[in-house]
N, C-alpha and C. Protein backbone atom coordinates (compact mmCIF):
# COMPACT_ATOMS: atom_id res chain seq x y z
N MET A 1 2.00 7.97 4.84
CA MET A 1 2.56 6.74 5.49
C MET A 1 2.06 5.55 5.84
N LYS A 2 0.34 5.79 5.49
CA LYS A 2 -0.15 4.75 5.97
C LYS A 2 -0.13 3.39 5.16
N SER A 3 0.25 3.76 3.81
CA SER A 3 0.96 2.72 2.86
C SER A 3 2.25 1.75 3.50
N ARG A 4 3.15 2.54 4.06
CA ARG A 4 4.30 2.04 4.75
C ARG A 4 4.11 1.16 5.73
N HIS A 5 2.81 1.57 6.72
CA HIS A 5 2.64 0.96 7.75
C HIS A 5 1.63 -0.03 7.51
N LEU A 6 0.99 -0.19 6.37
CA LEU A 6 0.32 -1.34 6.06
C LEU A 6 1.40 -2.39 5.45
N ALA A 7 2.23 -2.05 4.68
CA ALA A 7 3.30 -2.81 3.99
C ALA A 7 4.22 -3.43 5.43
N ARG A 8 4.51 -2.82 6.51
CA ARG A 8 5.24 -3.48 7.45
C ARG A 8 4.48 -4.45 8.07
N ALA A 9 2.99 -4.16 8.47
CA ALA A 9 1.88 -5.22 8.95
C ALA A 9 1.85 -6.38 8.06
N ILE A 10 2.14 -6.27 6.91
CA ILE A 10 1.87 -7.30 6.14
C ILE A 10 3.24 -8.12 6.10
N ALA A 11 4.38 -7.52 5.83
CA ALA A 11 5.69 -8.13 6.39
C ALA A 11 5.91 -8.85 7.45
N VAL A 12 5.26 -8.32 8.65
CA VAL A 12 5.28 -8.91 9.79
C VAL A 12 4.48 -10.41 9.69
N GLN A 13 3.18 -10.42 8.94
CA GLN A 13 2.37 -11.21 8.98
C GLN A 13 2.87 -12.33 8.35
N THR A 14 3.56 -12.41 7.11
CA THR A 14 4.08 -13.14 6.51
C THR A 14 5.40 -13.80 6.94
N LEU A 15 6.04 -13.07 7.47
CA LEU A 15 7.59 -13.64 8.43
C LEU A 15 6.81 -14.56 9.58
N TYR A 16 5.66 -13.94 10.15
CA TYR A 16 5.30 -14.73 11.18
C TYR A 16 4.64 -16.27 10.68
N SER A 17 3.86 -15.97 9.57
CA SER A 17 3.23 -17.86 9.03
C SER A 17 4.55 -18.36 8.73
N LEU A 18 5.62 -17.77 8.23
CA LEU A 18 6.71 -18.46 7.75
C LEU A 18 7.67 -19.19 9.05
N ASP A 19 7.51 -18.31 9.89
CA ASP A 19 8.10 -18.86 11.39
C ASP A 19 7.27 -19.78 12.01
N PHE A 20 6.03 -19.71 11.91
CA PHE A 20 4.99 -20.48 12.67
C PHE A 20 5.04 -21.84 11.85
N ASN A 21 5.01 -21.97 10.50
CA ASN A 21 5.38 -23.26 9.67
C ASN A 21 6.53 -23.88 9.63
N GLY A 22 7.78 -23.06 10.23
CA GLY A 22 8.74 -23.78 10.25
C GLY A 22 9.40 -23.91 8.88
N ASN A 23 9.28 -22.73 8.11
CA ASN A 23 9.72 -22.56 6.79
C ASN A 23 10.77 -21.44 6.70
N ILE A 24 10.75 -20.64 7.61
CA ILE A 24 11.61 -19.27 7.55
C ILE A 24 13.23 -19.21 6.93
N HIS A 25 13.99 -20.40 7.60
CA HIS A 25 14.93 -20.71 7.22
C HIS A 25 15.42 -21.25 6.35
N GLU A 26 14.33 -22.04 5.47
CA GLU A 26 14.40 -22.59 4.32
C GLU A 26 13.72 -21.64 2.98
N CYS A 27 13.37 -20.59 3.03
CA CYS A 27 12.77 -19.66 1.75
C CYS A 27 13.75 -19.34 0.86
N ALA A 28 13.13 -19.42 -0.29
CA ALA A 28 14.01 -19.56 -1.58
C ALA A 28 14.00 -17.84 -1.56
N LEU A 29 15.04 -17.15 -2.03
CA LEU A 29 14.88 -15.67 -2.41
C LEU A 29 15.18 -15.45 -3.82
N PRO A 30 14.30 -14.70 -4.20
CA PRO A 30 13.74 -13.98 -4.03
C PRO A 30 12.31 -14.34 -3.45
N TYR A 31 11.89 -13.92 -2.17
CA TYR A 31 10.43 -14.65 -1.59
C TYR A 31 9.36 -13.92 -2.49
N SER A 32 8.29 -14.58 -3.08
CA SER A 32 7.43 -14.01 -4.20
C SER A 32 5.98 -14.56 -3.71
N ASP A 33 5.77 -15.58 -2.80
CA ASP A 33 4.70 -16.17 -2.98
C ASP A 33 3.60 -14.96 -2.04
N LEU A 34 2.29 -15.44 -1.98
CA LEU A 34 1.27 -14.49 -1.61
C LEU A 34 1.34 -14.12 -0.17
N PHE A 35 1.15 -13.00 0.10
CA PHE A 35 1.37 -12.66 1.38
C PHE A 35 0.23 -13.46 2.37
N ALA A 36 1.00 -13.64 3.52
CA ALA A 36 -0.03 -14.51 4.50
C ALA A 36 -1.39 -13.79 4.63
N GLY A 37 -2.30 -14.83 4.61
CA GLY A 37 -3.62 -14.04 4.88
C GLY A 37 -4.28 -13.26 3.97
N TYR A 38 -3.68 -13.20 2.67
CA TYR A 38 -4.05 -12.48 1.75
C TYR A 38 -4.25 -13.47 0.42
N THR A 39 -5.44 -13.39 -0.32
CA THR A 39 -5.76 -14.28 -1.24
C THR A 39 -5.12 -13.32 -2.61
N LYS A 40 -4.93 -13.83 -3.47
CA LYS A 40 -4.23 -13.38 -5.08
C LYS A 40 -5.52 -12.21 -5.42
N ALA A 41 -6.48 -12.10 -5.15
CA ALA A 41 -7.48 -10.91 -5.54
C ALA A 41 -7.22 -9.74 -4.68
N GLU A 42 -7.13 -10.19 -3.12
CA GLU A 42 -6.70 -9.18 -2.07
C GLU A 42 -5.40 -8.60 -2.33
N GLN A 43 -4.40 -9.41 -2.67
CA GLN A 43 -3.05 -8.76 -2.93
C GLN A 43 -3.10 -7.64 -4.14
N ASP A 44 -3.91 -8.45 -5.04
CA ASP A 44 -4.04 -7.25 -6.28
C ASP A 44 -4.46 -6.05 -6.04
N ALA A 45 -5.59 -5.88 -4.75
CA ALA A 45 -6.54 -4.87 -4.79
C ALA A 45 -5.23 -4.04 -3.77
N LEU A 46 -4.11 -4.23 -3.39
CA LEU A 46 -3.23 -3.41 -3.01
C LEU A 46 -2.45 -2.56 -3.48
N GLU A 47 -2.29 -1.15 -3.23
CA GLU A 47 -1.57 -0.45 -4.04
C GLU A 47 -0.24 -1.07 -4.16
N SER A 48 0.23 -0.71 -5.34
CA SER A 48 1.62 -1.10 -5.96
C SER A 48 2.63 -0.73 -5.02
N ASP A 49 2.64 0.39 -4.36
CA ASP A 49 3.82 0.47 -3.41
C ASP A 49 3.76 -0.35 -2.13
N VAL A 50 2.41 -0.59 -1.93
CA VAL A 50 2.20 -1.42 -0.39
C VAL A 50 3.06 -2.62 -0.84
N VAL A 51 3.09 -3.27 -1.95
CA VAL A 51 3.27 -4.34 -2.38
C VAL A 51 4.70 -4.51 -2.37
N LEU A 52 5.10 -3.49 -3.24
CA LEU A 52 6.75 -3.30 -3.44
C LEU A 52 7.75 -3.40 -2.10
N TYR A 53 6.87 -2.45 -1.16
CA TYR A 53 7.71 -2.22 0.20
C TYR A 53 7.90 -3.40 0.85
N ALA A 54 6.40 -4.31 1.27
CA ALA A 54 6.26 -5.52 1.94
C ALA A 54 7.04 -6.51 1.27
N THR A 55 6.96 -6.40 0.21
CA THR A 55 8.10 -7.59 -0.40
C THR A 55 9.78 -7.18 -0.30
N PHE A 56 10.03 -6.00 -0.48
CA PHE A 56 11.43 -5.56 -0.18
C PHE A 56 11.63 -5.72 1.39
N LEU A 57 10.89 -5.68 2.27
CA LEU A 57 11.12 -5.78 3.93
C LEU A 57 11.23 -7.24 4.07
N ILE A 58 10.11 -8.16 3.37
CA ILE A 58 10.53 -9.67 3.47
C ILE A 58 11.87 -10.02 2.89
N ASN A 59 11.70 -9.81 2.15
CA ASN A 59 13.35 -10.52 1.27
C ASN A 59 14.51 -9.87 1.75
N GLY A 60 14.59 -8.63 2.65
CA GLY A 60 15.61 -8.10 3.27
C GLY A 60 15.76 -8.77 4.37
N VAL A 61 14.83 -9.04 5.29
CA VAL A 61 14.79 -9.85 6.58
C VAL A 61 15.23 -11.44 6.34
N LEU A 62 14.70 -12.16 5.29
CA LEU A 62 15.19 -13.48 4.95
C LEU A 62 16.51 -13.33 4.50
N GLU A 63 17.07 -12.52 3.77
CA GLU A 63 18.22 -12.26 3.36
C GLU A 63 19.67 -12.25 4.34
N HIS A 64 18.71 -11.49 5.39
CA HIS A 64 19.87 -11.47 6.24
C HIS A 64 19.23 -12.03 7.83
N LEU A 65 18.84 -13.10 7.51
CA LEU A 65 17.90 -13.70 8.83
C LEU A 65 18.83 -14.24 10.17
N ASN A 66 20.17 -14.53 9.42
CA ASN A 66 21.19 -15.23 10.33
C ASN A 66 21.81 -14.23 11.14
N GLU A 67 22.14 -12.81 10.05
CA GLU A 67 22.58 -11.76 11.17
C GLU A 67 21.59 -11.25 12.30
N VAL A 68 20.34 -10.90 11.93
CA VAL A 68 19.57 -10.31 12.59
C VAL A 68 18.97 -11.29 13.88
N ASP A 69 18.98 -12.75 13.45
CA ASP A 69 18.99 -13.50 14.68
C ASP A 69 20.17 -13.75 15.56
N GLU A 70 21.15 -13.67 14.90
CA GLU A 70 22.56 -13.58 16.06
C GLU A 70 22.49 -12.53 16.86
N MET A 71 22.07 -10.84 16.24
CA MET A 71 21.89 -9.99 17.09
C MET A 71 20.78 -10.17 18.23
N ILE A 72 19.63 -10.86 17.61
CA ILE A 72 18.66 -11.00 19.07
C ILE A 72 19.36 -11.62 19.86
N SER A 73 19.68 -12.80 19.54
CA SER A 73 20.32 -13.88 20.43
C SER A 73 21.22 -13.22 21.57
N ARG A 74 22.19 -12.47 20.76
CA ARG A 74 23.17 -11.84 21.27
C ARG A 74 22.77 -10.70 22.67
N PHE A 75 22.03 -10.06 22.32
CA PHE A 75 21.20 -9.08 23.34
C PHE A 75 20.07 -9.25 24.17
N SER A 76 19.54 -10.42 23.80
CA SER A 76 18.50 -11.10 24.83
C SER A 76 18.97 -12.07 25.91
N SER A 77 19.57 -11.54 26.65
CA SER A 77 20.31 -12.29 27.80
C SER A 77 19.65 -13.34 28.20
N LYS A 78 18.21 -12.87 28.60
CA LYS A 78 17.45 -13.61 29.72
C LYS A 78 16.34 -14.52 28.95
N ARG A 79 16.33 -14.63 27.47
CA ARG A 79 15.48 -15.16 27.35
C ARG A 79 16.05 -15.99 25.48
N SER A 80 16.06 -17.17 25.30
CA SER A 80 16.52 -17.57 23.94
C SER A 80 15.58 -17.25 22.83
N ILE A 81 16.16 -17.10 21.65
CA ILE A 81 15.38 -16.58 20.70
C ILE A 81 14.33 -17.54 20.40
N GLU A 82 14.57 -18.67 20.45
CA GLU A 82 13.05 -19.83 20.36
C GLU A 82 11.97 -19.75 21.60
N ASN A 83 12.43 -18.92 22.60
CA ASN A 83 11.42 -18.63 23.57
C ASN A 83 10.65 -17.50 23.59
N ILE A 84 11.12 -16.38 22.41
CA ILE A 84 10.40 -15.24 22.05
C ILE A 84 9.12 -15.43 21.62
N ASN A 85 8.06 -14.65 21.81
CA ASN A 85 6.71 -15.16 21.21
C ASN A 85 6.90 -14.87 19.72
N LEU A 86 6.13 -15.60 19.25
CA LEU A 86 6.53 -15.78 17.34
C LEU A 86 6.15 -14.26 17.00
N VAL A 87 5.33 -13.55 17.41
CA VAL A 87 4.66 -12.01 16.90
C VAL A 87 5.97 -11.13 17.33
N ASP A 88 6.11 -11.24 18.68
CA ASP A 88 7.35 -10.41 19.01
C ASP A 88 8.49 -10.61 18.22
N ARG A 89 9.21 -11.76 18.10
CA ARG A 89 10.41 -12.20 17.51
C ARG A 89 10.32 -11.71 15.83
N ASN A 90 9.18 -11.82 15.31
CA ASN A 90 9.10 -11.29 13.89
C ASN A 90 9.02 -9.80 14.03
N ILE A 91 8.37 -9.05 14.91
CA ILE A 91 8.49 -7.68 14.78
C ILE A 91 10.11 -7.50 15.09
N LEU A 92 10.69 -7.94 15.95
CA LEU A 92 12.50 -7.57 16.30
C LEU A 92 13.04 -7.91 14.83
N ARG A 93 12.74 -8.85 14.11
CA ARG A 93 13.60 -9.06 12.92
C ARG A 93 13.28 -8.09 12.22
N LEU A 94 12.08 -7.54 11.87
CA LEU A 94 11.89 -6.27 11.02
C LEU A 94 12.48 -5.49 11.47
N SER A 95 12.26 -5.04 12.71
CA SER A 95 12.94 -3.79 13.33
C SER A 95 14.47 -3.95 13.22
N ILE A 96 14.89 -4.83 13.45
CA ILE A 96 16.51 -4.83 13.60
C ILE A 96 16.95 -4.82 11.87
N TYR A 97 16.45 -5.31 11.16
CA TYR A 97 16.57 -5.23 9.79
C TYR A 97 16.94 -4.06 9.30
N THR A 98 15.54 -3.43 9.70
CA THR A 98 15.42 -1.72 9.01
C THR A 98 16.56 -0.95 9.64
N LEU A 99 16.75 -1.07 11.00
CA LEU A 99 17.72 -0.44 11.64
C LEU A 99 19.24 -0.55 11.05
N LEU A 100 19.29 -1.82 10.73
CA LEU A 100 20.54 -1.84 9.96
C LEU A 100 20.89 -1.77 8.55
N TYR A 101 19.98 -1.72 7.89
CA TYR A 101 19.97 -1.70 6.46
C TYR A 101 19.07 -0.60 5.76
N CYS A 102 18.41 -0.19 6.50
CA CYS A 102 17.38 0.89 5.85
C CYS A 102 17.81 2.12 6.70
N LYS A 103 18.98 2.73 5.99
CA LYS A 103 19.65 4.06 6.92
C LYS A 103 18.65 5.27 6.58
N ASP A 104 17.58 5.67 5.19
CA ASP A 104 16.96 6.23 5.13
C ASP A 104 16.04 6.43 6.07
N ILE A 105 15.42 5.53 7.18
CA ILE A 105 14.44 5.90 8.07
C ILE A 105 15.14 5.80 9.21
N HIS A 106 14.67 7.09 9.81
CA HIS A 106 15.04 7.33 11.24
C HIS A 106 14.89 6.32 12.14
N PRO A 107 15.63 6.06 13.43
CA PRO A 107 15.80 5.05 14.37
C PRO A 107 14.10 5.15 15.08
N ASN A 108 13.65 6.30 15.15
CA ASN A 108 12.32 6.86 16.14
C ASN A 108 11.39 6.32 15.56
N ILE A 109 11.38 6.41 14.15
CA ILE A 109 10.13 5.68 13.41
C ILE A 109 10.16 4.27 13.31
N VAL A 110 11.17 3.87 13.22
CA VAL A 110 11.11 2.16 13.14
C VAL A 110 10.83 1.46 14.96
N ILE A 111 11.21 2.45 16.10
CA ILE A 111 10.85 2.34 17.22
C ILE A 111 9.42 2.35 17.24
N ASP A 112 8.79 3.65 16.57
CA ASP A 112 7.49 3.80 17.02
C ASP A 112 6.61 2.50 16.12
N GLU A 113 7.19 2.32 14.91
CA GLU A 113 6.46 1.19 14.02
C GLU A 113 6.46 -0.09 14.82
N ALA A 114 7.18 -0.59 15.53
CA ALA A 114 7.35 -1.54 16.39
C ALA A 114 6.59 -1.47 17.08
N VAL A 115 6.38 -0.71 18.01
CA VAL A 115 5.35 -0.61 18.99
C VAL A 115 3.97 -0.55 18.71
N LYS A 116 3.52 0.16 17.60
CA LYS A 116 2.41 0.17 16.86
C LYS A 116 1.97 -1.14 16.48
N LEU A 117 2.73 -1.70 15.94
CA LEU A 117 2.57 -3.37 15.13
C LEU A 117 2.62 -4.33 16.46
N SER A 118 3.12 -4.20 17.40
CA SER A 118 2.84 -5.28 18.84
C SER A 118 1.65 -4.60 19.52
N GLN A 119 1.04 -3.43 19.41
CA GLN A 119 -0.37 -3.32 20.01
C GLN A 119 -1.30 -3.96 18.87
N GLU A 120 -1.10 -3.55 17.75
CA GLU A 120 -2.40 -4.28 16.87
C GLU A 120 -2.45 -5.91 16.79
């Protein structure tokens, strides 16, 4: 399961990078650029299941970004989505996408992974 955790970390890093640069809403799907912070050689050294799962997560979040952001905004009554820390916002995006669209992953795992990612 370490490979899935690594894939989630890569997905958060990439979403963060897109969000930080203001490109997250303009990304063309499917997203196939290099992962944020990884050179081509480093990405090629990753196991194929890590690359596939990270790409799946990134594309899923980007495809459902408006729905996910609307849900964050609806339930974050004290802070607008723009005022949520970039890292936290993208961990939330990944977690909500996973809860809504990846039914094979137990919610406890999603929450545990979100906590681990936020601690890292």
